[in-house]
């Protein structure tokens, strides 16, 4: 057998192996599961809780500096946050945590 024949035979063998691997490769049993309603609700609640907690933390910082945490002071603190920080929080819950008394 000539060198060309051997190269052609090797190429055919490689092609057959690749085709076999592609055809015999196991497929996933099912699509990844979408989040359930409970998981979505828990995620939304966690975001609300984090927003309230962050607002309360800022309230404590304002009080520690000797100022009163009113709406204007909390709005200024909100405006001073980065866009990334604001995106991860809910404004209404954050303001509630910052401007309102903790027992409300």
PDB file of N, CA and C in Angstrom:
ATOM      1  N   UNK A   1       0.851  -1.157   0.000  1.00  0.00           N
ATOM      2  CA  UNK A   1       0.000   0.000   0.000  1.00  0.00           C
ATOM      3  C   UNK A   1       0.906   1.232   0.000  1.00  0.00           C
ATOM      4  N   UNK A   2       0.549   2.195  -0.817  1.00  0.00           N
ATOM      5  CA  UNK A   2       1.365   3.404  -0.928  1.00  0.00           C
ATOM      6  C   UNK A   2       1.094   4.347   0.238  1.00  0.00           C
ATOM      7  N   UNK A   3       1.907   5.393   0.330  1.00  0.00           N
ATOM      8  CA  UNK A   3       1.751   6.355   1.411  1.00  0.00           C
ATOM      9  C   UNK A   3       0.401   7.063   1.302  1.00  0.00           C
ATOM     10  N   UNK A   4      -0.013   7.409   0.091  1.00  0.00           N
ATOM     11  CA  UNK A   4      -1.322   8.047  -0.093  1.00  0.00           C
ATOM     12  C   UNK A   4      -2.441   7.146   0.379  1.00  0.00           C
ATOM     13  N   UNK A   5      -2.333   5.887   0.108  1.00  0.00           N
ATOM     14  CA  UNK A   5      -3.349   4.932   0.540  1.00  0.00           C
ATOM     15  C   UNK A   5      -3.423   4.830   2.054  1.00  0.00           C
ATOM     16  N   UNK A   6      -2.254   4.811   2.690  1.00  0.00           N
ATOM     17  CA  UNK A   6      -2.222   4.754   4.147  1.00  0.00           C
ATOM     18  C   UNK A   6      -2.806   6.031   4.770  1.00  0.00           C
ATOM     19  N   UNK A   7      -2.481   7.190   4.209  1.00  0.00           N
ATOM     20  CA  UNK A   7      -3.004   8.460   4.713  1.00  0.00           C
ATOM     21  C   UNK A   7      -4.521   8.485   4.545  1.00  0.00           C
ATOM     22  N   UNK A   8      -5.003   8.045   3.391  1.00  0.00           N
ATOM     23  CA  UNK A   8      -6.440   8.026   3.130  1.00  0.00           C
ATOM     24  C   UNK A   8      -7.136   7.060   4.093  1.00  0.00           C
ATOM     25  N   UNK A   9      -6.540   5.915   4.352  1.00  0.00           N
ATOM     26  CA  UNK A   9      -7.131   4.944   5.275  1.00  0.00           C
ATOM     27  C   UNK A   9      -7.153   5.511   6.694  1.00  0.00           C
ATOM     28  N   UNK A  10      -6.080   6.182   7.103  1.00  0.00           N
ATOM     29  CA  UNK A  10      -6.039   6.787   8.434  1.00  0.00           C
ATOM     30  C   UNK A  10      -7.084   7.889   8.559  1.00  0.00           C
ATOM     31  N   UNK A  11      -7.261   8.669   7.508  1.00  0.00           N
ATOM     32  CA  UNK A  11      -8.270   9.741   7.527  1.00  0.00           C
ATOM     33  C   UNK A  11      -9.665   9.145   7.642  1.00  0.00           C
ATOM     34  N   UNK A  12      -9.931   8.058   6.960  1.00  0.00           N
ATOM     35  CA  UNK A  12     -11.241   7.395   7.036  1.00  0.00           C
ATOM     36  C   UNK A  12     -11.482   6.840   8.437  1.00  0.00           C
ATOM     37  N   UNK A  13     -10.462   6.260   9.038  1.00  0.00           N
ATOM     38  CA  UNK A  13     -10.589   5.713  10.387  1.00  0.00           C
ATOM     39  C   UNK A  13     -10.876   6.843  11.374  1.00  0.00           C
ATOM     40  N   UNK A  14     -10.144   7.939  11.250  1.00  0.00           N
ATOM     41  CA  UNK A  14     -10.371   9.085  12.144  1.00  0.00           C
ATOM     42  C   UNK A  14     -11.772   9.639  11.973  1.00  0.00           C
ATOM     43  N   UNK A  15     -12.224   9.762  10.740  1.00  0.00           N
ATOM     44  CA  UNK A  15     -13.571  10.267  10.477  1.00  0.00           C
ATOM     45  C   UNK A  15     -14.618   9.333  11.062  1.00  0.00           C
ATOM     46  N   UNK A  16     -14.408   8.037  10.963  1.00  0.00           N
ATOM     47  CA  UNK A  16     -15.353   7.077  11.522  1.00  0.00           C
ATOM     48  C   UNK A  16     -15.395   7.174  13.045  1.00  0.00           C
ATOM     49  N   UNK A  17     -14.236   7.347  13.659  1.00  0.00           N
ATOM     50  CA  UNK A  17     -14.184   7.476  15.120  1.00  0.00           C
ATOM     51  C   UNK A  17     -14.915   8.738  15.561  1.00  0.00           C
ATOM     52  N   UNK A  18     -14.665   9.854  14.900  1.00  0.00           N
ATOM     53  CA  UNK A  18     -15.328  11.111  15.247  1.00  0.00           C
ATOM     54  C   UNK A  18     -16.835  10.981  15.060  1.00  0.00           C
ATOM     55  N   UNK A  19     -17.277  10.402  13.967  1.00  0.00           N
ATOM     56  CA  UNK A  19     -18.712  10.214  13.720  1.00  0.00           C
ATOM     57  C   UNK A  19     -19.322   9.317  14.789  1.00  0.00           C
ATOM     58  N   UNK A  20     -18.616   8.283  15.187  1.00  0.00           N
ATOM     59  CA  UNK A  20     -19.126   7.395  16.229  1.00  0.00           C
ATOM     60  C   UNK A  20     -19.253   8.094  17.566  1.00  0.00           C
ATOM     61  N   UNK A  21     -18.269   8.901  17.896  1.00  0.00           N
ATOM     62  CA  UNK A  21     -18.315   9.640  19.153  1.00  0.00           C
ATOM     63  C   UNK A  21     -19.491  10.608  19.147  1.00  0.00           C
ATOM     64  N   UNK A  22     -19.682  11.323  18.050  1.00  0.00           N
ATOM     65  CA  UNK A  22     -20.793  12.276  17.950  1.00  0.00           C
ATOM     66  C   UNK A  22     -22.133  11.564  18.080  1.00  0.00           C
ATOM     67  N   UNK A  23     -22.282  10.446  17.394  1.00  0.00           N
ATOM     68  CA  UNK A  23     -23.565   9.732  17.425  1.00  0.00           C
ATOM     69  C   UNK A  23     -23.824   9.046  18.757  1.00  0.00           C
ATOM     70  N   UNK A  24     -22.796   8.577  19.412  1.00  0.00           N
ATOM     71  CA  UNK A  24     -22.972   7.824  20.647  1.00  0.00           C
ATOM     72  C   UNK A  24     -22.861   8.675  21.909  1.00  0.00           C
ATOM     73  N   UNK A  25     -22.521   9.962  21.758  1.00  0.00           N
ATOM     74  CA  UNK A  25     -22.379  10.841  22.928  1.00  0.00           C
ATOM     75  C   UNK A  25     -23.704  10.952  23.643  1.00  0.00           C
ATOM     76  N   UNK A  26     -23.746  10.755  24.946  1.00  0.00           N
ATOM     77  CA  UNK A  26     -25.028  10.788  25.648  1.00  0.00           C
ATOM     78  C   UNK A  26     -25.625  12.202  25.664  1.00  0.00           C
ATOM     79  N   UNK A  27     -26.913  12.263  25.436  1.00  0.00           N
ATOM     80  CA  UNK A  27     -27.609  13.549  25.473  1.00  0.00           C
ATOM     81  C   UNK A  27     -28.163  13.770  26.874  1.00  0.00           C
ATOM     82  N   UNK A  28     -28.324  15.013  27.275  1.00  0.00           N
ATOM     83  CA  UNK A  28     -28.897  15.246  28.602  1.00  0.00           C
ATOM     84  C   UNK A  28     -30.314  14.686  28.677  1.00  0.00           C
ATOM     85  N   UNK A  29     -30.646  14.163  29.858  1.00  0.00           N
ATOM     86  CA  UNK A  29     -31.958  13.550  30.021  1.00  0.00           C
ATOM     87  C   UNK A  29     -33.087  14.568  29.920  1.00  0.00           C
ATOM     88  N   UNK A  30     -32.863  15.737  30.453  1.00  0.00           N
ATOM     89  CA  UNK A  30     -33.919  16.749  30.439  1.00  0.00           C
ATOM     90  C   UNK A  30     -33.284  18.131  30.427  1.00  0.00           C
ATOM     91  N   UNK A  31     -34.080  19.077  30.037  1.00  0.00           N
ATOM     92  CA  UNK A  31     -33.634  20.465  30.072  1.00  0.00           C
ATOM     93  C   UNK A  31     -33.433  20.872  31.524  1.00  0.00           C
ATOM     94  N   UNK A  32     -32.575  21.850  31.772  1.00  0.00           N
ATOM     95  CA  UNK A  32     -32.421  22.331  33.145  1.00  0.00           C
ATOM     96  C   UNK A  32     -33.763  22.846  33.668  1.00  0.00           C
ATOM     97  N   UNK A  33     -34.024  22.555  34.895  1.00  0.00           N
ATOM     98  CA  UNK A  33     -35.312  22.927  35.474  1.00  0.00           C
ATOM     99  C   UNK A  33     -35.388  24.436  35.674  1.00  0.00           C
ATOM    100  N   UNK A  34     -36.512  24.984  35.291  1.00  0.00           N
ATOM    101  CA  UNK A  34     -36.750  26.411  35.515  1.00  0.00           C
ATOM    102  C   UNK A  34     -37.012  26.625  37.002  1.00  0.00           C
ATOM    103  N   UNK A  35     -36.696  27.813  37.505  1.00  0.00           N
ATOM    104  CA  UNK A  35     -36.950  28.044  38.927  1.00  0.00           C
ATOM    105  C   UNK A  35     -38.448  27.929  39.238  1.00  0.00           C
ATOM    106  N   UNK A  36     -38.733  27.374  40.379  1.00  0.00           N
ATOM    107  CA  UNK A  36     -40.129  27.214  40.774  1.00  0.00           C
ATOM    108  C   UNK A  36     -40.663  28.532  41.312  1.00  0.00           C
ATOM    109  N   UNK A  37     -41.955  28.588  41.451  1.00  0.00           N
ATOM    110  CA  UNK A  37     -42.593  29.792  41.975  1.00  0.00           C
ATOM    111  C   UNK A  37     -42.071  30.114  43.374  1.00  0.00           C
ATOM    112  N   UNK A  38     -41.871  29.091  44.185  1.00  0.00           N
ATOM    113  CA  UNK A  38     -41.358  29.308  45.543  1.00  0.00           C
ATOM    114  C   UNK A  38     -39.944  29.879  45.517  1.00  0.00           C
ATOM    115  N   UNK A  39     -39.115  29.413  44.580  1.00  0.00           N
ATOM    116  CA  UNK A  39     -37.752  29.926  44.478  1.00  0.00           C
ATOM    117  C   UNK A  39     -37.759  31.381  44.035  1.00  0.00           C
ATOM    118  N   UNK A  40     -38.647  31.726  43.120  1.00  0.00           N
ATOM    119  CA  UNK A  40     -38.749  33.111  42.651  1.00  0.00           C
ATOM    120  C   UNK A  40     -39.215  34.011  43.786  1.00  0.00           C
ATOM    121  N   UNK A  41     -40.223  33.553  44.526  1.00  0.00           N
ATOM    122  CA  UNK A  41     -40.724  34.343  45.662  1.00  0.00           C
ATOM    123  C   UNK A  41     -39.643  34.516  46.724  1.00  0.00           C
ATOM    124  N   UNK A  42     -38.896  33.454  46.995  1.00  0.00           N
ATOM    125  CA  UNK A  42     -37.830  33.532  48.003  1.00  0.00           C
ATOM    126  C   UNK A  42     -36.739  34.502  47.562  1.00  0.00           C
ATOM    127  N   UNK A  43     -36.413  34.501  46.279  1.00  0.00           N
ATOM    128  CA  UNK A  43     -35.407  35.409  45.762  1.00  0.00           C
ATOM    129  C   UNK A  43     -35.873  36.861  45.871  1.00  0.00           C
ATOM    130  N   UNK A  44     -37.129  37.107  45.527  1.00  0.00           N
ATOM    131  CA  UNK A  44     -37.681  38.463  45.625  1.00  0.00           C
ATOM    132  C   UNK A  44     -37.725  38.923  47.079  1.00  0.00           C
ATOM    133  N   UNK A  45     -38.108  38.025  47.978  1.00  0.00           N
ATOM    134  CA  UNK A  45     -38.166  38.382  49.398  1.00  0.00           C
ATOM    135  C   UNK A  45     -36.768  38.659  49.941  1.00  0.00           C
ATOM    136  N   UNK A  46     -35.787  37.894  49.491  1.00  0.00           N
ATOM    137  CA  UNK A  46     -34.407  38.114  49.931  1.00  0.00           C
ATOM    138  C   UNK A  46     -33.916  39.492  49.485  1.00  0.00           C
ATOM    139  N   UNK A  47     -34.310  39.909  48.289  1.00  0.00           N
ATOM    140  CA  UNK A  47     -33.915  41.230  47.803  1.00  0.00           C
ATOM    141  C   UNK A  47     -34.568  42.330  48.635  1.00  0.00           C
ATOM    142  N   UNK A  48     -35.835  42.140  48.986  1.00  0.00           N
ATOM    143  CA  UNK A  48     -36.521  43.120  49.832  1.00  0.00           C
ATOM    144  C   UNK A  48     -35.874  43.189  51.214  1.00  0.00           C
ATOM    145  N   UNK A  49     -35.580  42.025  51.779  1.00  0.00           N
ATOM    146  CA  UNK A  49     -34.939  41.977  53.103  1.00  0.00           C
ATOM    147  C   UNK A  49     -33.561  42.645  53.075  1.00  0.00           C
ATOM    148  N   UNK A  50     -32.798  42.399  52.012  1.00  0.00           N
ATOM    149  CA  UNK A  50     -31.467  43.008  51.888  1.00  0.00           C
ATOM    150  C   UNK A  50     -31.589  44.527  51.754  1.00  0.00           C
ATOM    151  N   UNK A  51     -32.606  44.987  51.041  1.00  0.00           N
ATOM    152  CA  UNK A  51     -32.810  46.426  50.881  1.00  0.00           C
ATOM    153  C   UNK A  51     -33.153  47.073  52.215  1.00  0.00           C
ATOM    154  N   UNK A  52     -34.039  46.446  52.972  1.00  0.00           N
ATOM    155  CA  UNK A  52     -34.413  46.975  54.280  1.00  0.00           C
ATOM    156  C   UNK A  52     -33.203  47.001  55.220  1.00  0.00           C
ATOM    157  N   UNK A  53     -32.438  45.937  55.222  1.00  0.00           N
ATOM    158  CA  UNK A  53     -31.253  45.850  56.067  1.00  0.00           C
ATOM    159  C   UNK A  53     -30.220  46.914  55.686  1.00  0.00           C
ATOM    160  N   UNK A  54     -30.017  47.117  54.397  1.00  0.00           N
ATOM    161  CA  UNK A  54     -29.059  48.129  53.946  1.00  0.00           C
ATOM    162  C   UNK A  54     -29.524  49.523  54.357  1.00  0.00           C
ATOM    163  N   UNK A  55     -30.828  49.781  54.250  1.00  0.00           N
ATOM    164  CA  UNK A  55     -31.367  51.067  54.681  1.00  0.00           C
ATOM    165  C   UNK A  55     -31.176  51.287  56.170  1.00  0.00           C
ATOM    166  N   UNK A  56     -31.368  50.247  56.958  1.00  0.00           N
ATOM    167  CA  UNK A  56     -31.178  50.350  58.408  1.00  0.00           C
ATOM    168  C   UNK A  56     -29.710  50.584  58.760  1.00  0.00           C
ATOM    169  N   UNK A  57     -28.818  49.980  58.004  1.00  0.00           N
ATOM    170  CA  UNK A  57     -27.391  50.189  58.233  1.00  0.00           C
ATOM    171  C   UNK A  57     -27.019  51.649  57.982  1.00  0.00           C
ATOM    172  N   UNK A  58     -27.549  52.216  56.891  1.00  0.00           N
ATOM    173  CA  UNK A  58     -27.278  53.626  56.594  1.00  0.00           C
ATOM    174  C   UNK A  58     -27.884  54.508  57.680  1.00  0.00           C
ATOM    175  N   UNK A  59     -29.073  54.141  58.165  1.00  0.00           N
ATOM    176  CA  UNK A  59     -29.708  54.894  59.251  1.00  0.00           C
ATOM    177  C   UNK A  59     -28.790  54.937  60.470  1.00  0.00           C
ATOM    178  N   UNK A  60     -28.212  53.798  60.826  1.00  0.00           N
ATOM    179  CA  UNK A  60     -27.300  53.739  61.967  1.00  0.00           C
ATOM    180  C   UNK A  60     -26.067  54.608  61.734  1.00  0.00           C
ATOM    181  N   UNK A  61     -25.568  54.618  60.505  1.00  0.00           N
ATOM    182  CA  UNK A  61     -24.401  55.438  60.188  1.00  0.00           C
ATOM    183  C   UNK A  61     -24.746  56.924  60.298  1.00  0.00           C
ATOM    184  N   UNK A  62     -25.940  57.308  59.844  1.00  0.00           N
ATOM    185  CA  UNK A  62     -26.370  58.702  59.938  1.00  0.00           C
ATOM    186  C   UNK A  62     -26.514  59.100  61.404  1.00  0.00           C
ATOM    187  N   UNK A  63     -27.144  58.229  62.197  1.00  0.00           N
ATOM    188  CA  UNK A  63     -27.306  58.516  63.627  1.00  0.00           C
ATOM    189  C   UNK A  63     -25.950  58.599  64.329  1.00  0.00           C
ATOM    190  N   UNK A  64     -25.015  57.742  63.943  1.00  0.00           N
ATOM    191  CA  UNK A  64     -23.690  57.744  64.562  1.00  0.00           C
ATOM    192  C   UNK A  64     -22.927  59.032  64.254  1.00  0.00           C
ATOM    193  N   UNK A  65     -23.261  59.662  63.126  1.00  0.00           N
ATOM    194  CA  UNK A  65     -22.590  60.918  62.773  1.00  0.00           C
ATOM    195  C   UNK A  65     -23.263  62.121  63.426  1.00  0.00           C
ATOM    196  N   UNK A  66     -24.325  61.874  64.216  1.00  0.00           N
ATOM    197  CA  UNK A  66     -24.986  62.944  64.947  1.00  0.00           C
ATOM    198  C   UNK A  66     -26.101  63.635  64.191  1.00  0.00           C
ATOM    199  N   UNK A  67     -26.449  63.116  63.037  1.00  0.00           N
ATOM    200  CA  UNK A  67     -27.532  63.713  62.253  1.00  0.00           C
ATOM    201  C   UNK A  67     -28.816  62.914  62.439  1.00  0.00           C
ATOM    202  N   UNK A  68     -29.930  63.509  62.019  1.00  0.00           N
ATOM    203  CA  UNK A  68     -31.226  62.840  62.091  1.00  0.00           C
ATOM    204  C   UNK A  68     -31.521  62.191  60.737  1.00  0.00           C
ATOM    205  N   UNK A  69     -31.854  60.910  60.731  1.00  0.00           N
ATOM    206  CA  UNK A  69     -32.126  60.235  59.467  1.00  0.00           C
ATOM    207  C   UNK A  69     -33.530  60.558  58.935  1.00  0.00           C
ATOM    208  N   UNK A  70     -33.684  61.727  58.330  1.00  0.00           N
ATOM    209  CA  UNK A  70     -34.971  62.104  57.744  1.00  0.00           C
ATOM    210  C   UNK A  70     -34.969  61.770  56.250  1.00  0.00           C
ATOM    211  N   UNK A  71     -36.081  62.085  55.575  1.00  0.00           N
ATOM    212  CA  UNK A  71     -36.203  61.743  54.154  1.00  0.00           C
ATOM    213  C   UNK A  71     -35.100  62.388  53.313  1.00  0.00           C
ATOM    214  N   UNK A  72     -34.794  63.655  53.573  1.00  0.00           N
ATOM    215  CA  UNK A  72     -33.791  64.355  52.770  1.00  0.00           C
ATOM    216  C   UNK A  72     -32.397  63.752  52.963  1.00  0.00           C
ATOM    217  N   UNK A  73     -32.045  63.455  54.186  1.00  0.00           N
ATOM    218  CA  UNK A  73     -30.731  62.869  54.469  1.00  0.00           C
ATOM    219  C   UNK A  73     -30.620  61.481  53.834  1.00  0.00           C
ATOM    220  N   UNK A  74     -31.684  60.704  53.947  1.00  0.00           N
ATOM    221  CA  UNK A  74     -31.664  59.356  53.356  1.00  0.00           C
ATOM    222  C   UNK A  74     -31.642  59.425  51.831  1.00  0.00           C
ATOM    223  N   UNK A  75     -32.347  60.396  51.251  1.00  0.00           N
ATOM    224  CA  UNK A  75     -32.325  60.555  49.795  1.00  0.00           C
ATOM    225  C   UNK A  75     -30.920  60.904  49.317  1.00  0.00           C
ATOM    226  N   UNK A  76     -30.234  61.757  50.057  1.00  0.00           N
ATOM    227  CA  UNK A  76     -28.863  62.103  49.713  1.00  0.00           C
ATOM    228  C   UNK A  76     -27.964  60.867  49.791  1.00  0.00           C
ATOM    229  N   UNK A  77     -28.151  60.071  50.835  1.00  0.00           N
ATOM    230  CA  UNK A  77     -27.364  58.838  50.968  1.00  0.00           C
ATOM    231  C   UNK A  77     -27.653  57.886  49.812  1.00  0.00           C
ATOM    232  N   UNK A  78     -28.922  57.790  49.411  1.00  0.00           N
ATOM    233  CA  UNK A  78     -29.303  56.929  48.278  1.00  0.00           C
ATOM    234  C   UNK A  78     -28.629  57.428  46.996  1.00  0.00           C
ATOM    235  N   UNK A  79     -28.678  58.747  46.781  1.00  0.00           N
ATOM    236  CA  UNK A  79     -28.096  59.324  45.568  1.00  0.00           C
ATOM    237  C   UNK A  79     -26.582  59.139  45.515  1.00  0.00           C
ATOM    238  N   UNK A  80     -25.933  59.011  46.666  1.00  0.00           N
ATOM    239  CA  UNK A  80     -24.479  58.847  46.707  1.00  0.00           C
ATOM    240  C   UNK A  80     -24.028  57.415  46.453  1.00  0.00           C
ATOM    241  N   UNK A  81     -24.967  56.488  46.383  1.00  0.00           N
ATOM    242  CA  UNK A  81     -24.600  55.098  46.092  1.00  0.00           C
ATOM    243  C   UNK A  81     -24.263  54.953  44.616  1.00  0.00           C
ATOM    244  N   UNK A  82     -23.476  53.952  44.306  1.00  0.00           N
ATOM    245  CA  UNK A  82     -23.162  53.686  42.903  1.00  0.00           C
ATOM    246  C   UNK A  82     -24.374  53.081  42.220  1.00  0.00           C
ATOM    247  N   UNK A  83     -24.363  53.139  40.902  1.00  0.00           N
ATOM    248  CA  UNK A  83     -25.474  52.566  40.131  1.00  0.00           C
ATOM    249  C   UNK A  83     -25.597  51.069  40.391  1.00  0.00           C
ATOM    250  N   UNK A  84     -24.484  50.394  40.568  1.00  0.00           N
ATOM    251  CA  UNK A  84     -24.511  48.954  40.840  1.00  0.00           C
ATOM    252  C   UNK A  84     -25.179  48.669  42.179  1.00  0.00           C
ATOM    253  N   UNK A  85     -24.847  49.470  43.191  1.00  0.00           N
ATOM    254  CA  UNK A  85     -25.471  49.277  44.499  1.00  0.00           C
ATOM    255  C   UNK A  85     -26.975  49.530  44.414  1.00  0.00           C
ATOM    256  N   UNK A  86     -27.372  50.571  43.692  1.00  0.00           N
ATOM    257  CA  UNK A  86     -28.793  50.885  43.577  1.00  0.00           C
ATOM    258  C   UNK A  86     -29.552  49.811  42.824  1.00  0.00           C
ATOM    259  N   UNK A  87     -28.921  49.214  41.806  1.00  0.00           N
ATOM    260  CA  UNK A  87     -29.603  48.167  41.033  1.00  0.00           C
ATOM    261  C   UNK A  87     -29.919  46.940  41.884  1.00  0.00           C
ATOM    262  N   UNK A  88     -29.074  46.673  42.869  1.00  0.00           N
ATOM    263  CA  UNK A  88     -29.275  45.465  43.671  1.00  0.00           C
ATOM    264  C   UNK A  88     -30.275  45.675  44.806  1.00  0.00           C
ATOM    265  N   UNK A  89     -30.737  46.921  44.994  1.00  0.00           N
ATOM    266  CA  UNK A  89     -31.657  47.223  46.093  1.00  0.00           C
ATOM    267  C   UNK A  89     -32.986  47.741  45.572  1.00  0.00           C
ATOM    268  N   UNK A  90     -34.003  47.625  46.405  1.00  0.00           N
ATOM    269  CA  UNK A  90     -35.318  48.190  46.110  1.00  0.00           C
ATOM    270  C   UNK A  90     -35.445  49.512  46.853  1.00  0.00           C
ATOM    271  N   UNK A  91     -35.684  50.596  46.108  1.00  0.00           N
ATOM    272  CA  UNK A  91     -35.687  51.941  46.657  1.00  0.00           C
ATOM    273  C   UNK A  91     -36.662  52.095  47.818  1.00  0.00           C
ATOM    274  N   UNK A  92     -37.904  51.658  47.643  1.00  0.00           N
ATOM    275  CA  UNK A  92     -38.929  51.868  48.676  1.00  0.00           C
ATOM    276  C   UNK A  92     -38.550  51.176  49.984  1.00  0.00           C
ATOM    277  N   UNK A  93     -38.065  49.958  49.918  1.00  0.00           N
ATOM    278  CA  UNK A  93     -37.690  49.245  51.137  1.00  0.00           C
ATOM    279  C   UNK A  93     -36.435  49.857  51.761  1.00  0.00           C
ATOM    280  N   UNK A  94     -35.512  50.294  50.929  1.00  0.00           N
ATOM    281  CA  UNK A  94     -34.301  50.921  51.437  1.00  0.00           C
ATOM    282  C   UNK A  94     -34.647  52.212  52.182  1.00  0.00           C
ATOM    283  N   UNK A  95     -35.504  53.028  51.574  1.00  0.00           N
ATOM    284  CA  UNK A  95     -35.911  54.288  52.213  1.00  0.00           C
ATOM    285  C   UNK A  95     -36.689  54.011  53.496  1.00  0.00           C
ATOM    286  N   UNK A  96     -37.522  52.982  53.494  1.00  0.00           N
ATOM    287  CA  UNK A  96     -38.255  52.610  54.704  1.00  0.00           C
ATOM    288  C   UNK A  96     -37.273  52.252  55.818  1.00  0.00           C
ATOM    289  N   UNK A  97     -36.247  51.509  55.491  1.00  0.00           N
ATOM    290  CA  UNK A  97     -35.248  51.137  56.492  1.00  0.00           C
ATOM    291  C   UNK A  97     -34.437  52.326  56.970  1.00  0.00           C
ATOM    292  N   UNK A  98     -34.206  53.289  56.084  1.00  0.00           N
ATOM    293  CA  UNK A  98     -33.356  54.425  56.439  1.00  0.00           C
ATOM    294  C   UNK A  98     -34.146  55.510  57.170  1.00  0.00           C
ATOM    295  N   UNK A  99     -35.253  55.946  56.621  1.00  0.00           N
ATOM    296  CA  UNK A  99     -35.948  57.128  57.149  1.00  0.00           C
ATOM    297  C   UNK A  99     -36.947  56.827  58.245  1.00  0.00           C
ATOM    298  N   UNK A 100     -37.509  55.633  58.251  1.00  0.00           N
ATOM    299  CA  UNK A 100     -38.532  55.304  59.247  1.00  0.00           C
ATOM    300  C   UNK A 100     -37.894  54.715  60.494  1.00  0.00           C
ATOM    301  N   UNK A 101     -38.565  54.910  61.602  1.00  0.00           N
ATOM    302  CA  UNK A 101     -38.070  54.346  62.858  1.00  0.00           C
ATOM    303  C   UNK A 101     -38.077  52.815  62.760  1.00  0.00           C
ATOM    304  N   UNK A 102     -37.131  52.147  63.401  1.00  0.00           N
ATOM    305  CA  UNK A 102     -37.013  50.690  63.294  1.00  0.00           C
ATOM    306  C   UNK A 102     -38.265  49.914  63.716  1.00  0.00           C
ATOM    307  N   UNK A 103     -39.079  50.470  64.593  1.00  0.00           N
ATOM    308  CA  UNK A 103     -40.255  49.713  65.048  1.00  0.00           C
ATOM    309  C   UNK A 103     -41.438  49.861  64.120  1.00  0.00           C
ATOM    310  N   UNK A 104     -41.312  50.569  63.022  1.00  0.00           N
ATOM    311  CA  UNK A 104     -42.438  50.752  62.099  1.00  0.00           C
ATOM    312  C   UNK A 104     -42.472  49.639  61.092  1.00  0.00           C
TER     313      UNK A 104
END
